[in-house]
Amino acid sequence: MPEWMSPQRTAVVTGAAGGIGFEIARRCVRAGMQVAIADIKETLSAAHDQLADEAADANNVFSQKCDVSDRAQMEAFKEDVGARFGNVHCLVNNAGIAKRGTPPWEGLDALDTIMGINFKGVVHGCHAFIPGMLAHGEVGAVINTGSKQGITRPPGNYAYNLSKAAVVGYTEAVSHGFVTQENCHLTAHLLVPGFVYTPMISAFVPQKPEIAATPEETVDYLLAQLEKGAFYIICPDGETSRPIDEKRIQWAADDIIKNRSAMSRWHPDYKEAFEAFMAS
């Protein structure tokens, strides 16, 4: 396990009422950590109770309803966590939502909502907690949840893609910022889940597809990669292997280098070329 994942250390996890966030919080509880979780869902209370049941001391679990898109609420959460547990050693900005896609010239209200939670929620978390994490000088980590859609940006849901692409760029900036800080013992990591069956997905897909990974499998992979010090933690699932992910990412990057049509992977003029590239 990472060095910070030990008893008497504190982890903060947003979007922890279920899915990946809850599973990360559970692993931290099992490691003996103090854990603060936040979410806006009504299931937050049940998540708190389940974590408290698994904790060596139920007082090591704290939960608070928090809309991460509201900076004031995130700041209040930070103050309450500090009053309860003191120093924070791991920050997991995991809260996120998805909505059905629209054409890029429509869905402005949905765009504002998605960007507010998926991107600004990450920014608000970092602005609230990182200064204190830097000040106490102890080993720690910041983990932001992105998406493969923020890297390859497939058609159909421009708002979600933009929000996750912003998380990629912002987390890269945070990581480099830590490198340039003198005597900094913090690291940043971009968690890029595969197709994971979470409550967010179950809203659209009532039954778990066989190819979907579980939150448990995803967090197993996350922890293994954290031990290796990986920044880009691109998780596999039952459909997409690491080599396939790499080739799709390479093709997307080559759109710029080779000045192909935008999103050429889905452009009819490049269909045969893409299929040949993937088969090569």
Protein backbone atom coordinates (compact mmCIF):
# COMPACT_ATOMS: atom_id res chain seq x y z
CA MET A 1 0.00 0.00 0.00
CA PRO A 2 1.13 3.62 -0.43
CA GLU A 3 2.99 5.10 2.53
CA TRP A 4 0.18 7.52 3.38
CA MET A 5 -2.33 4.66 3.61
CA SER A 6 -1.72 3.81 7.24
CA PRO A 7 -3.37 4.18 10.67
CA GLN A 8 -3.84 7.66 12.10
CA ARG A 9 -3.63 9.21 8.63
CA THR A 10 -6.67 10.88 7.06
CA ALA A 11 -8.30 10.42 3.66
CA VAL A 12 -10.97 12.63 2.13
CA VAL A 13 -13.14 11.14 -0.64
CA THR A 14 -15.87 12.97 -2.55
CA GLY A 15 -18.56 11.13 -4.46
CA ALA A 16 -18.24 8.37 -1.88
CA ALA A 17 -21.88 7.36 -1.38
CA GLY A 18 -21.34 4.48 -3.81
CA GLY A 19 -19.25 3.09 -6.64
CA ILE A 20 -15.53 3.81 -6.94
CA GLY A 21 -15.51 6.53 -4.28
CA PHE A 22 -17.11 4.28 -1.70
CA GLU A 23 -14.69 1.45 -2.48
CA ILE A 24 -11.68 3.76 -2.11
CA ALA A 25 -13.05 4.95 1.24
CA ARG A 26 -13.58 1.35 2.34
CA ARG A 27 -9.98 0.41 1.55
CA CYS A 28 -8.79 3.40 3.55
CA VAL A 29 -10.99 2.38 6.50
CA ARG A 30 -9.63 -1.16 6.32
CA ALA A 31 -6.10 0.27 6.43
CA GLY A 32 -6.96 1.93 9.74
CA MET A 33 -7.22 5.46 8.35
CA GLN A 34 -9.56 8.20 9.43
CA VAL A 35 -11.91 8.77 6.51
CA ALA A 36 -14.11 11.73 5.62
CA ILE A 37 -16.62 11.18 2.83
CA ALA A 38 -18.84 13.63 0.98
CA ASP A 39 -21.69 13.32 -1.49
CA ILE A 40 -25.06 14.89 -2.27
CA LYS A 41 -26.92 11.60 -2.58
CA GLU A 42 -29.32 10.32 0.05
CA THR A 43 -27.31 7.07 0.15
CA LEU A 44 -24.49 8.92 1.92
CA SER A 45 -25.91 7.98 5.33
CA ALA A 46 -25.98 4.28 4.47
CA ALA A 47 -22.42 4.49 3.14
CA HIS A 48 -21.30 6.14 6.38
CA ASP A 49 -22.91 3.40 8.47
CA GLN A 50 -21.34 0.63 6.41
CA LEU A 51 -17.89 2.17 6.68
CA ALA A 52 -18.32 2.75 10.41
CA ASP A 53 -19.24 -0.92 10.85
CA GLU A 54 -15.99 -1.93 9.13
CA ALA A 55 -13.79 0.56 10.97
CA ALA A 56 -11.82 -0.41 14.05
CA ASP A 57 -13.32 2.70 15.63
CA ALA A 58 -16.61 4.08 14.26
CA ASN A 59 -15.41 7.57 15.18
CA ASN A 60 -12.82 7.26 12.44
CA VAL A 61 -15.56 7.81 9.82
CA PHE A 62 -17.06 11.22 9.14
CA SER A 63 -19.57 12.12 6.44
CA GLN A 64 -21.04 15.38 5.26
CA LYS A 65 -23.47 16.27 2.52
CA CYS A 66 -21.58 18.52 0.14
CA ASP A 67 -22.20 19.88 -3.34
CA VAL A 68 -18.67 19.98 -4.74
CA SER A 69 -19.69 22.50 -7.40
CA ASP A 70 -20.28 25.02 -4.59
CA ARG A 71 -16.92 26.35 -3.42
CA ALA A 72 -18.35 27.57 -0.11
CA GLN A 73 -19.67 24.10 0.71
CA MET A 74 -16.30 22.55 -0.10
CA GLU A 75 -14.52 25.06 2.11
CA ALA A 76 -16.95 24.32 4.94
CA PHE A 77 -16.33 20.59 4.48
CA LYS A 78 -12.59 21.21 4.71
CA GLU A 79 -13.00 23.14 7.95
CA ASP A 80 -15.15 20.41 9.47
CA VAL A 81 -12.73 17.67 8.43
CA GLY A 82 -9.84 19.61 9.95
CA ALA A 83 -11.72 20.09 13.20
CA ARG A 84 -12.55 16.38 13.35
CA PHE A 85 -9.32 14.73 12.14
CA GLY A 86 -6.59 17.34 11.73
CA ASN A 87 -4.14 16.88 8.87
CA VAL A 88 -5.32 15.35 5.59
CA HIS A 89 -2.99 12.96 3.79
CA CYS A 90 -5.04 11.76 0.82
CA LEU A 91 -7.56 13.75 -1.21
CA VAL A 92 -9.70 11.86 -3.72
CA ASN A 93 -11.78 14.14 -5.93
CA ASN A 94 -14.12 11.51 -7.31
CA ALA A 95 -17.56 13.15 -7.44
CA GLY A 96 -19.02 13.11 -10.95
CA ILE A 97 -22.20 12.92 -12.97
CA ALA A 98 -23.22 12.04 -16.50
CA LYS A 99 -26.19 13.16 -18.55
CA ARG A 100 -27.46 12.09 -21.93
CA GLY A 101 -25.59 13.81 -24.72
CA THR A 102 -26.85 16.55 -26.99
CA PRO A 103 -25.47 18.22 -30.14
CA PRO A 104 -22.58 20.55 -29.20
CA TRP A 105 -24.72 23.62 -29.89
CA GLU A 106 -27.41 22.50 -27.44
CA GLY A 107 -27.61 21.49 -23.77
CA LEU A 108 -26.02 24.57 -22.22
CA ASP A 109 -27.68 24.03 -18.83
CA ALA A 110 -26.45 20.42 -18.77
CA LEU A 111 -22.96 21.62 -19.71
CA ASP A 112 -22.92 24.07 -16.80
CA THR A 113 -24.05 21.37 -14.37
CA ILE A 114 -21.57 18.75 -15.60
CA MET A 115 -18.62 21.16 -15.66
CA GLY A 116 -19.57 22.41 -12.20
CA ILE A 117 -19.41 18.94 -10.65
CA ASN A 118 -16.96 16.97 -12.78
CA PHE A 119 -14.37 19.72 -13.27
CA LYS A 120 -14.91 22.58 -10.84
CA GLY A 121 -15.62 20.05 -8.09
CA VAL A 122 -12.06 18.78 -8.58
CA VAL A 123 -10.68 22.32 -8.59
CA HIS A 124 -12.64 23.25 -5.46
CA GLY A 125 -11.36 20.17 -3.67
CA CYS A 126 -7.77 20.94 -4.55
CA HIS A 127 -8.04 24.61 -3.61
CA ALA A 128 -9.62 23.69 -0.28
CA PHE A 129 -7.32 20.90 0.84
CA ILE A 130 -3.93 21.13 -0.90
CA PRO A 131 -2.63 24.24 0.91
CA GLY A 132 -3.04 22.48 4.25
CA MET A 133 -1.51 19.28 2.90
CA LEU A 134 1.53 21.24 1.72
CA ALA A 135 1.78 23.09 5.02
CA HIS A 136 1.94 20.01 7.24
CA GLY A 137 4.71 18.56 5.06
CA GLU A 138 3.82 14.90 5.49
CA VAL A 139 3.62 12.30 2.74
CA GLY A 140 0.33 12.39 0.86
CA ALA A 141 -1.47 12.11 -2.45
CA VAL A 142 -4.13 13.81 -4.53
CA ILE A 143 -6.17 11.52 -6.78
CA ASN A 144 -8.54 13.03 -9.34
CA THR A 145 -10.99 10.86 -11.26
CA GLY A 146 -10.97 11.41 -14.99
CA SER A 147 -12.32 9.28 -17.82
CA LYS A 148 -11.11 7.72 -21.04
CA GLN A 149 -13.70 9.94 -22.70
CA GLY A 150 -11.63 12.91 -21.56
CA ILE A 151 -8.67 11.55 -23.51
CA THR A 152 -10.11 10.11 -26.72
CA ARG A 153 -13.30 12.26 -26.63
CA PRO A 154 -15.75 10.07 -28.59
CA PRO A 155 -18.83 11.62 -30.18
CA GLY A 156 -22.17 11.72 -28.46
CA ASN A 157 -21.57 13.53 -25.16
CA TYR A 158 -19.50 16.64 -25.65
CA ALA A 159 -20.28 18.07 -22.19
CA TYR A 160 -19.03 15.02 -20.31
CA ASN A 161 -15.97 14.77 -22.57
CA LEU A 162 -15.06 18.42 -21.99
CA SER A 163 -15.42 18.10 -18.23
CA LYS A 164 -13.12 15.10 -18.09
CA ALA A 165 -10.63 16.55 -20.57
CA ALA A 166 -10.39 19.54 -18.23
CA VAL A 167 -9.68 17.18 -15.32
CA VAL A 168 -6.79 15.67 -17.29
CA GLY A 169 -5.19 19.05 -17.97
CA TYR A 170 -5.77 20.34 -14.45
CA THR A 171 -4.37 17.23 -12.75
CA GLU A 172 -1.27 17.37 -14.95
CA ALA A 173 -0.79 20.96 -13.75
CA VAL A 174 -1.22 19.92 -10.11
CA SER A 175 1.33 17.14 -10.53
CA HIS A 176 3.90 19.45 -12.07
CA GLY A 177 3.18 22.05 -9.41
CA PHE A 178 4.13 19.55 -6.73
CA VAL A 179 7.39 18.81 -8.56
CA THR A 180 8.34 22.49 -8.49
CA GLN A 181 7.52 22.90 -4.77
CA GLU A 182 10.60 22.69 -2.56
CA ASN A 183 10.53 19.76 -0.12
CA CYS A 184 7.10 18.68 -1.33
CA HIS A 185 6.03 15.18 -0.24
CA LEU A 186 2.77 15.14 -2.20
CA THR A 187 2.07 13.36 -5.46
CA ALA A 188 -0.85 13.74 -7.87
CA HIS A 189 -2.50 10.95 -9.82
CA LEU A 190 -5.11 10.78 -12.57
CA LEU A 191 -7.49 7.86 -12.11
CA VAL A 192 -8.95 6.86 -15.48
CA PRO A 193 -11.53 4.11 -14.91
CA GLY A 194 -12.56 1.73 -17.63
CA PHE A 195 -16.20 0.75 -18.07
CA VAL A 196 -17.13 0.32 -14.40
CA TYR A 197 -20.61 -0.62 -13.24
CA THR A 198 -21.42 2.08 -10.70
CA PRO A 199 -24.65 3.75 -9.58
CA MET A 200 -24.02 6.44 -12.21
CA ILE A 201 -23.98 3.80 -14.96
CA SER A 202 -26.88 1.80 -13.51
CA ALA A 203 -29.11 4.83 -14.05
CA PHE A 204 -28.72 4.17 -17.78
CA VAL A 205 -28.02 0.41 -17.78
CA PRO A 206 -30.21 -1.47 -15.25
CA GLN A 207 -28.19 -4.74 -15.29
CA LYS A 208 -24.41 -5.08 -15.09
CA PRO A 209 -22.93 -6.01 -18.47
CA GLU A 210 -20.45 -8.87 -18.36
CA ILE A 211 -17.70 -6.67 -19.80
CA ALA A 212 -18.03 -4.03 -17.09
CA ALA A 213 -15.45 -3.95 -14.31
CA THR A 214 -16.51 -3.70 -10.68
CA PRO A 215 -15.49 -0.89 -8.33
CA GLU A 216 -13.49 -3.47 -6.38
CA GLU A 217 -11.46 -4.45 -9.46
CA THR A 218 -10.90 -0.81 -10.31
CA VAL A 219 -9.62 0.07 -6.85
CA ASP A 220 -7.37 -3.01 -6.82
CA TYR A 221 -5.76 -1.68 -9.99
CA LEU A 222 -5.58 1.86 -8.60
CA LEU A 223 -3.72 0.78 -5.47
CA ALA A 224 -1.28 -1.37 -7.44
CA GLN A 225 -0.47 1.57 -9.71
CA LEU A 226 -0.14 4.00 -6.80
CA GLU A 227 2.52 1.73 -5.33
CA LYS A 228 4.40 2.04 -8.61
CA GLY A 229 4.11 5.81 -8.54
CA ALA A 230 2.05 6.00 -11.75
CA PHE A 231 0.45 9.29 -12.70
CA TYR A 232 -1.83 8.12 -15.53
CA ILE A 233 -3.76 5.21 -14.03
CA ILE A 234 -5.68 3.90 -17.03
CA CYS A 235 -7.77 0.99 -15.83
CA PRO A 236 -8.71 -2.03 -17.95
CA ASP A 237 -12.14 -3.63 -18.07
CA GLY A 238 -13.66 -6.76 -19.58
CA GLU A 239 -13.77 -5.20 -23.04
CA THR A 240 -10.71 -2.99 -23.38
CA SER A 241 -7.17 -4.16 -22.66
CA ARG A 242 -4.19 -1.89 -22.09
CA PRO A 243 -2.86 -2.39 -25.65
CA ILE A 244 -6.23 -1.36 -27.12
CA ASP A 245 -6.36 1.72 -24.90
CA GLU A 246 -2.85 2.67 -25.97
CA LYS A 247 -3.65 2.39 -29.66
CA ARG A 248 -6.86 4.42 -29.34
CA ILE A 249 -4.98 7.13 -27.44
CA GLN A 250 -2.18 7.10 -30.03
CA TRP A 251 -4.67 7.47 -32.88
CA ALA A 252 -6.34 10.42 -31.16
CA ALA A 253 -2.99 12.16 -30.63
CA ASP A 254 -2.02 11.53 -34.26
CA ASP A 255 -5.12 13.42 -35.43
CA ILE A 256 -3.26 16.58 -34.42
CA ILE A 257 0.20 15.52 -35.57
CA LYS A 258 -1.05 14.32 -38.97
CA ASN A 259 -3.71 17.03 -39.29
CA ARG A 260 -6.48 14.53 -39.99
CA SER A 261 -10.15 15.34 -39.75
CA ALA A 262 -11.37 16.00 -36.22
CA MET A 263 -12.32 12.79 -34.42
CA SER A 264 -11.13 10.81 -37.43
CA ARG A 265 -11.58 7.52 -35.59
CA TRP A 266 -15.32 7.92 -36.22
CA HIS A 267 -15.02 9.63 -39.63
CA PRO A 268 -16.10 7.45 -42.58
CA ASP A 269 -13.06 8.50 -44.64
CA TYR A 270 -10.73 6.97 -42.03
CA LYS A 271 -12.72 3.85 -41.16
CA GLU A 272 -10.47 1.42 -43.04
CA ALA A 273 -7.27 3.15 -41.93
CA PHE A 274 -8.31 3.00 -38.28
CA GLU A 275 -9.28 -0.65 -38.49
CA ALA A 276 -5.95 -1.47 -40.14
CA PHE A 277 -4.08 0.48 -37.45
CA MET A 278 -5.86 -1.38 -34.66
CA ALA A 279 -5.19 -4.74 -36.32
CA SER A 280 -1.50 -4.02 -36.98
